[in-house]
């Protein structure tokens, strides 16, 4: 499974190697997956089955995207179907709408996905005012409904937080 979002620093291609290295030398199999730099969720998607998962990122728009897919799947898919009909020519308008809206709402989560796919190289960047300012790219396909549903299934039972690295690491406890 591939992440829905392309994200800077993504670990999807390395997830198998990451998990192999993490499990080397452990006296017992892990029971908790703790991810302080969740991003697009690439390493998360490669985790072993059955782990309790707690993921976090400091980007509130990104955290909102993941929680929306997790908790409001059907409304997310309905709005995504509308955005499938919107072309790259509307990029500036969608980006402006994204920047004017707060970090919440189903449509805002869909806008993030749409901008990620239509923006330059899947880049995410904000200016000093906190506005998303990535230029339009060549565009790539939005994920299928089946891919979104499969991703939402992976998120079930996962705790998704908007915390800095130090706070999420402190919550880990020993071991």
C-alpha atoms as a PDB file:
ATOM      1  CA  UNK A   1       0.000   0.000   0.000  1.00  0.00           C
ATOM      2  CA  UNK A   2       1.248   3.475  -0.810  1.00  0.00           C
ATOM      3  CA  UNK A   3       0.473   6.622   1.192  1.00  0.00           C
ATOM      4  CA  UNK A   4      -2.335   8.851  -0.067  1.00  0.00           C
ATOM      5  CA  UNK A   5      -0.102  11.922   0.228  1.00  0.00           C
ATOM      6  CA  UNK A   6       3.365  12.419  -1.141  1.00  0.00           C
ATOM      7  CA  UNK A   7       5.181  14.170   1.696  1.00  0.00           C
ATOM      8  CA  UNK A   8       8.674  15.630   2.115  1.00  0.00           C
ATOM      9  CA  UNK A   9      10.864  13.153   3.981  1.00  0.00           C
ATOM     10  CA  UNK A  10       8.518  10.295   3.133  1.00  0.00           C
ATOM     11  CA  UNK A  11       9.663   6.871   4.300  1.00  0.00           C
ATOM     12  CA  UNK A  12       7.429   4.604   2.186  1.00  0.00           C
ATOM     13  CA  UNK A  13      10.298   3.179   0.116  1.00  0.00           C
ATOM     14  CA  UNK A  14      12.354   2.540   3.249  1.00  0.00           C
ATOM     15  CA  UNK A  15       9.651   1.091   5.484  1.00  0.00           C
ATOM     16  CA  UNK A  16      10.724  -2.538   4.994  1.00  0.00           C
ATOM     17  CA  UNK A  17      14.344  -1.717   5.829  1.00  0.00           C
ATOM     18  CA  UNK A  18      13.292   0.455   8.769  1.00  0.00           C
ATOM     19  CA  UNK A  19      11.227  -2.335  10.303  1.00  0.00           C
ATOM     20  CA  UNK A  20      13.934  -4.920   9.714  1.00  0.00           C
ATOM     21  CA  UNK A  21      16.504  -2.749  11.488  1.00  0.00           C
ATOM     22  CA  UNK A  22      14.152  -1.832  14.332  1.00  0.00           C
ATOM     23  CA  UNK A  23      13.410  -5.457  15.112  1.00  0.00           C
ATOM     24  CA  UNK A  24      17.040  -6.558  15.028  1.00  0.00           C
ATOM     25  CA  UNK A  25      18.267  -7.349  18.510  1.00  0.00           C
ATOM     26  CA  UNK A  26      14.949  -6.874  20.300  1.00  0.00           C
ATOM     27  CA  UNK A  27      14.366  -9.295  23.157  1.00  0.00           C
ATOM     28  CA  UNK A  28      10.617  -9.297  22.439  1.00  0.00           C
ATOM     29  CA  UNK A  29       8.467  -8.194  19.520  1.00  0.00           C
ATOM     30  CA  UNK A  30       7.316  -4.563  19.719  1.00  0.00           C
ATOM     31  CA  UNK A  31       3.810  -3.844  20.952  1.00  0.00           C
ATOM     32  CA  UNK A  32       3.685  -0.095  20.266  1.00  0.00           C
ATOM     33  CA  UNK A  33       4.338   1.878  17.095  1.00  0.00           C
ATOM     34  CA  UNK A  34       5.137   5.501  17.939  1.00  0.00           C
ATOM     35  CA  UNK A  35       5.727   7.857  14.994  1.00  0.00           C
ATOM     36  CA  UNK A  36       6.665  11.476  15.830  1.00  0.00           C
ATOM     37  CA  UNK A  37       7.081  12.541  12.157  1.00  0.00           C
ATOM     38  CA  UNK A  38       4.011  10.956  10.581  1.00  0.00           C
ATOM     39  CA  UNK A  39       3.928  12.940   7.332  1.00  0.00           C
ATOM     40  CA  UNK A  40       2.267  10.838   4.646  1.00  0.00           C
ATOM     41  CA  UNK A  41       2.416   7.692   6.780  1.00  0.00           C
ATOM     42  CA  UNK A  42       4.867   5.633   4.695  1.00  0.00           C
ATOM     43  CA  UNK A  43       6.642   3.934   7.610  1.00  0.00           C
ATOM     44  CA  UNK A  44       3.301   3.448   9.374  1.00  0.00           C
ATOM     45  CA  UNK A  45       1.918   1.498   6.413  1.00  0.00           C
ATOM     46  CA  UNK A  46       4.862  -0.905   6.586  1.00  0.00           C
ATOM     47  CA  UNK A  47       4.535  -1.663  10.295  1.00  0.00           C
ATOM     48  CA  UNK A  48       3.910  -5.221  11.497  1.00  0.00           C
ATOM     49  CA  UNK A  49       0.288  -6.209  12.113  1.00  0.00           C
ATOM     50  CA  UNK A  50      -1.190  -5.920  15.583  1.00  0.00           C
ATOM     51  CA  UNK A  51       0.815  -3.016  16.968  1.00  0.00           C
ATOM     52  CA  UNK A  52      -0.948  -0.338  18.987  1.00  0.00           C
ATOM     53  CA  UNK A  53      -0.149   2.806  17.009  1.00  0.00           C
ATOM     54  CA  UNK A  54       0.274   6.423  18.091  1.00  0.00           C
ATOM     55  CA  UNK A  55       1.281   8.865  15.365  1.00  0.00           C
ATOM     56  CA  UNK A  56       1.942  12.574  15.450  1.00  0.00           C
ATOM     57  CA  UNK A  57       3.002  15.526  13.344  1.00  0.00           C
ATOM     58  CA  UNK A  58       3.251  19.241  14.089  1.00  0.00           C
ATOM     59  CA  UNK A  59       1.444  20.232  10.880  1.00  0.00           C
ATOM     60  CA  UNK A  60      -2.173  20.662  11.974  1.00  0.00           C
ATOM     61  CA  UNK A  61      -3.496  20.589   8.411  1.00  0.00           C
ATOM     62  CA  UNK A  62      -1.802  17.245   7.875  1.00  0.00           C
ATOM     63  CA  UNK A  63      -3.096  15.817  11.162  1.00  0.00           C
ATOM     64  CA  UNK A  64      -6.585  17.013  10.230  1.00  0.00           C
ATOM     65  CA  UNK A  65      -6.314  15.235   6.873  1.00  0.00           C
ATOM     66  CA  UNK A  66      -5.478  11.908   8.516  1.00  0.00           C
ATOM     67  CA  UNK A  67      -8.154  12.203  11.214  1.00  0.00           C
ATOM     68  CA  UNK A  68     -10.762  13.128   8.601  1.00  0.00           C
ATOM     69  CA  UNK A  69      -9.964  10.038   6.532  1.00  0.00           C
ATOM     70  CA  UNK A  70     -10.018   7.963   9.727  1.00  0.00           C
ATOM     71  CA  UNK A  71     -13.244   9.315  11.255  1.00  0.00           C
ATOM     72  CA  UNK A  72     -15.267  10.837   8.389  1.00  0.00           C
ATOM     73  CA  UNK A  73     -14.560   8.512   5.493  1.00  0.00           C
ATOM     74  CA  UNK A  74     -17.922   8.669   3.712  1.00  0.00           C
ATOM     75  CA  UNK A  75     -18.177  12.497   3.690  1.00  0.00           C
ATOM     76  CA  UNK A  76     -14.508  12.650   2.629  1.00  0.00           C
ATOM     77  CA  UNK A  77     -15.204  10.350  -0.330  1.00  0.00           C
ATOM     78  CA  UNK A  78     -18.275  12.377  -1.339  1.00  0.00           C
ATOM     79  CA  UNK A  79     -16.281  15.623  -1.474  1.00  0.00           C
ATOM     80  CA  UNK A  80     -13.359  13.862  -3.171  1.00  0.00           C
ATOM     81  CA  UNK A  81     -15.710  12.800  -5.984  1.00  0.00           C
ATOM     82  CA  UNK A  82     -16.545  16.478  -6.576  1.00  0.00           C
ATOM     83  CA  UNK A  83     -12.846  17.382  -6.667  1.00  0.00           C
ATOM     84  CA  UNK A  84     -12.145  14.655  -9.242  1.00  0.00           C
ATOM     85  CA  UNK A  85     -13.931  16.907 -11.753  1.00  0.00           C
ATOM     86  CA  UNK A  86     -11.745  19.947 -10.998  1.00  0.00           C
ATOM     87  CA  UNK A  87      -8.792  20.467 -13.309  1.00  0.00           C
ATOM     88  CA  UNK A  88      -5.355  21.999 -12.871  1.00  0.00           C
ATOM     89  CA  UNK A  89      -6.684  25.253 -14.316  1.00  0.00           C
ATOM     90  CA  UNK A  90      -8.465  25.835 -11.002  1.00  0.00           C
ATOM     91  CA  UNK A  91      -5.289  25.356  -8.940  1.00  0.00           C
ATOM     92  CA  UNK A  92      -4.906  29.009  -7.885  1.00  0.00           C
ATOM     93  CA  UNK A  93      -8.547  29.189  -6.757  1.00  0.00           C
ATOM     94  CA  UNK A  94      -8.328  25.966  -4.752  1.00  0.00           C
ATOM     95  CA  UNK A  95      -5.058  27.090  -3.159  1.00  0.00           C
ATOM     96  CA  UNK A  96      -6.636  30.437  -2.202  1.00  0.00           C
ATOM     97  CA  UNK A  97      -9.664  28.653  -0.714  1.00  0.00           C
ATOM     98  CA  UNK A  98      -7.320  26.336   1.199  1.00  0.00           C
ATOM     99  CA  UNK A  99      -5.408  29.294   2.639  1.00  0.00           C
ATOM    100  CA  UNK A 100      -8.562  31.208   3.617  1.00  0.00           C
ATOM    101  CA  UNK A 101     -10.166  28.274   5.427  1.00  0.00           C
ATOM    102  CA  UNK A 102      -9.088  27.056   8.828  1.00  0.00           C
ATOM    103  CA  UNK A 103      -7.362  23.743   9.379  1.00  0.00           C
ATOM    104  CA  UNK A 104     -10.636  21.859   9.805  1.00  0.00           C
ATOM    105  CA  UNK A 105     -13.540  20.615   7.724  1.00  0.00           C
ATOM    106  CA  UNK A 106     -13.934  17.699   5.341  1.00  0.00           C
ATOM    107  CA  UNK A 107     -13.506  19.881   2.272  1.00  0.00           C
ATOM    108  CA  UNK A 108     -10.287  21.311   3.694  1.00  0.00           C
ATOM    109  CA  UNK A 109      -8.894  17.773   4.056  1.00  0.00           C
ATOM    110  CA  UNK A 110      -9.835  17.005   0.442  1.00  0.00           C
ATOM    111  CA  UNK A 111      -8.246  20.279  -0.696  1.00  0.00           C
ATOM    112  CA  UNK A 112      -4.962  19.231   0.929  1.00  0.00           C
ATOM    113  CA  UNK A 113      -5.011  15.942  -0.979  1.00  0.00           C
ATOM    114  CA  UNK A 114      -5.983  17.675  -4.236  1.00  0.00           C
ATOM    115  CA  UNK A 115      -3.255  20.308  -3.862  1.00  0.00           C
ATOM    116  CA  UNK A 116      -0.721  17.614  -2.991  1.00  0.00           C
ATOM    117  CA  UNK A 117      -1.520  15.792  -6.236  1.00  0.00           C
ATOM    118  CA  UNK A 118      -1.784  18.893  -8.443  1.00  0.00           C
ATOM    119  CA  UNK A 119       1.055  20.920  -6.906  1.00  0.00           C
ATOM    120  CA  UNK A 120       4.649  20.883  -7.984  1.00  0.00           C
ATOM    121  CA  UNK A 121       6.245  17.501  -7.219  1.00  0.00           C
ATOM    122  CA  UNK A 122       4.021  16.751  -4.196  1.00  0.00           C
ATOM    123  CA  UNK A 123       5.777  19.502  -2.278  1.00  0.00           C
ATOM    124  CA  UNK A 124       4.292  21.043   0.856  1.00  0.00           C
ATOM    125  CA  UNK A 125       5.528  24.503   1.751  1.00  0.00           C
ATOM    126  CA  UNK A 126       4.135  27.466   3.662  1.00  0.00           C
ATOM    127  CA  UNK A 127       5.228  31.091   3.650  1.00  0.00           C
ATOM    128  CA  UNK A 128       5.774  33.149   6.812  1.00  0.00           C
ATOM    129  CA  UNK A 129       2.047  33.890   7.073  1.00  0.00           C
ATOM    130  CA  UNK A 130       1.330  30.159   7.098  1.00  0.00           C
ATOM    131  CA  UNK A 131      -0.131  30.119   3.598  1.00  0.00           C
ATOM    132  CA  UNK A 132       0.436  27.108   1.374  1.00  0.00           C
ATOM    133  CA  UNK A 133       2.451  28.523  -1.515  1.00  0.00           C
ATOM    134  CA  UNK A 134       3.429  25.654  -3.804  1.00  0.00           C
ATOM    135  CA  UNK A 135       3.053  26.378  -7.526  1.00  0.00           C
ATOM    136  CA  UNK A 136       0.961  24.207  -9.823  1.00  0.00           C
ATOM    137  CA  UNK A 137       2.692  21.088 -11.120  1.00  0.00           C
ATOM    138  CA  UNK A 138       1.989  18.608 -13.874  1.00  0.00           C
ATOM    139  CA  UNK A 139      -0.642  16.901 -11.735  1.00  0.00           C
ATOM    140  CA  UNK A 140      -1.068  13.281 -10.782  1.00  0.00           C
ATOM    141  CA  UNK A 141      -4.137  11.150 -10.276  1.00  0.00           C
ATOM    142  CA  UNK A 142      -6.159  11.383  -7.110  1.00  0.00           C
ATOM    143  CA  UNK A 143      -6.272   8.071  -5.242  1.00  0.00           C
ATOM    144  CA  UNK A 144      -9.097   5.674  -6.033  1.00  0.00           C
ATOM    145  CA  UNK A 145     -11.961   5.167  -3.633  1.00  0.00           C
ATOM    146  CA  UNK A 146     -10.576   1.684  -2.912  1.00  0.00           C
ATOM    147  CA  UNK A 147      -7.158   3.150  -2.008  1.00  0.00           C
ATOM    148  CA  UNK A 148      -8.742   5.720   0.331  1.00  0.00           C
ATOM    149  CA  UNK A 149     -10.855   3.021   1.991  1.00  0.00           C
ATOM    150  CA  UNK A 150      -7.817   0.755   2.447  1.00  0.00           C
ATOM    151  CA  UNK A 151      -5.855   3.637   3.990  1.00  0.00           C
ATOM    152  CA  UNK A 152      -8.752   4.506   6.304  1.00  0.00           C
ATOM    153  CA  UNK A 153      -8.833   0.878   7.417  1.00  0.00           C
ATOM    154  CA  UNK A 154      -5.124   1.069   8.306  1.00  0.00           C
ATOM    155  CA  UNK A 155      -5.855   4.149  10.437  1.00  0.00           C
ATOM    156  CA  UNK A 156      -8.593   2.448  12.482  1.00  0.00           C
ATOM    157  CA  UNK A 157      -7.572   2.154  16.120  1.00  0.00           C
ATOM    158  CA  UNK A 158      -4.646   4.548  15.626  1.00  0.00           C
ATOM    159  CA  UNK A 159      -4.252   7.554  17.897  1.00  0.00           C
ATOM    160  CA  UNK A 160      -3.430  10.601  15.749  1.00  0.00           C
ATOM    161  CA  UNK A 161      -1.977  13.642  17.531  1.00  0.00           C
ATOM    162  CA  UNK A 162      -0.629  17.095  16.676  1.00  0.00           C
ATOM    163  CA  UNK A 163       2.371  17.217  19.013  1.00  0.00           C
ATOM    164  CA  UNK A 164       6.022  18.160  18.672  1.00  0.00           C
ATOM    165  CA  UNK A 165       8.685  15.461  18.663  1.00  0.00           C
ATOM    166  CA  UNK A 166       9.687  16.044  22.302  1.00  0.00           C
ATOM    167  CA  UNK A 167       6.124  15.613  23.579  1.00  0.00           C
ATOM    168  CA  UNK A 168       5.414  12.445  21.632  1.00  0.00           C
ATOM    169  CA  UNK A 169       8.779  10.964  22.631  1.00  0.00           C
ATOM    170  CA  UNK A 170       8.146  11.776  26.315  1.00  0.00           C
ATOM    171  CA  UNK A 171       4.846   9.899  26.124  1.00  0.00           C
ATOM    172  CA  UNK A 172       6.615   6.718  25.039  1.00  0.00           C
ATOM    173  CA  UNK A 173       7.881   5.708  28.458  1.00  0.00           C
ATOM    174  CA  UNK A 174      10.626   3.154  28.985  1.00  0.00           C
ATOM    175  CA  UNK A 175      11.343   0.418  26.445  1.00  0.00           C
END
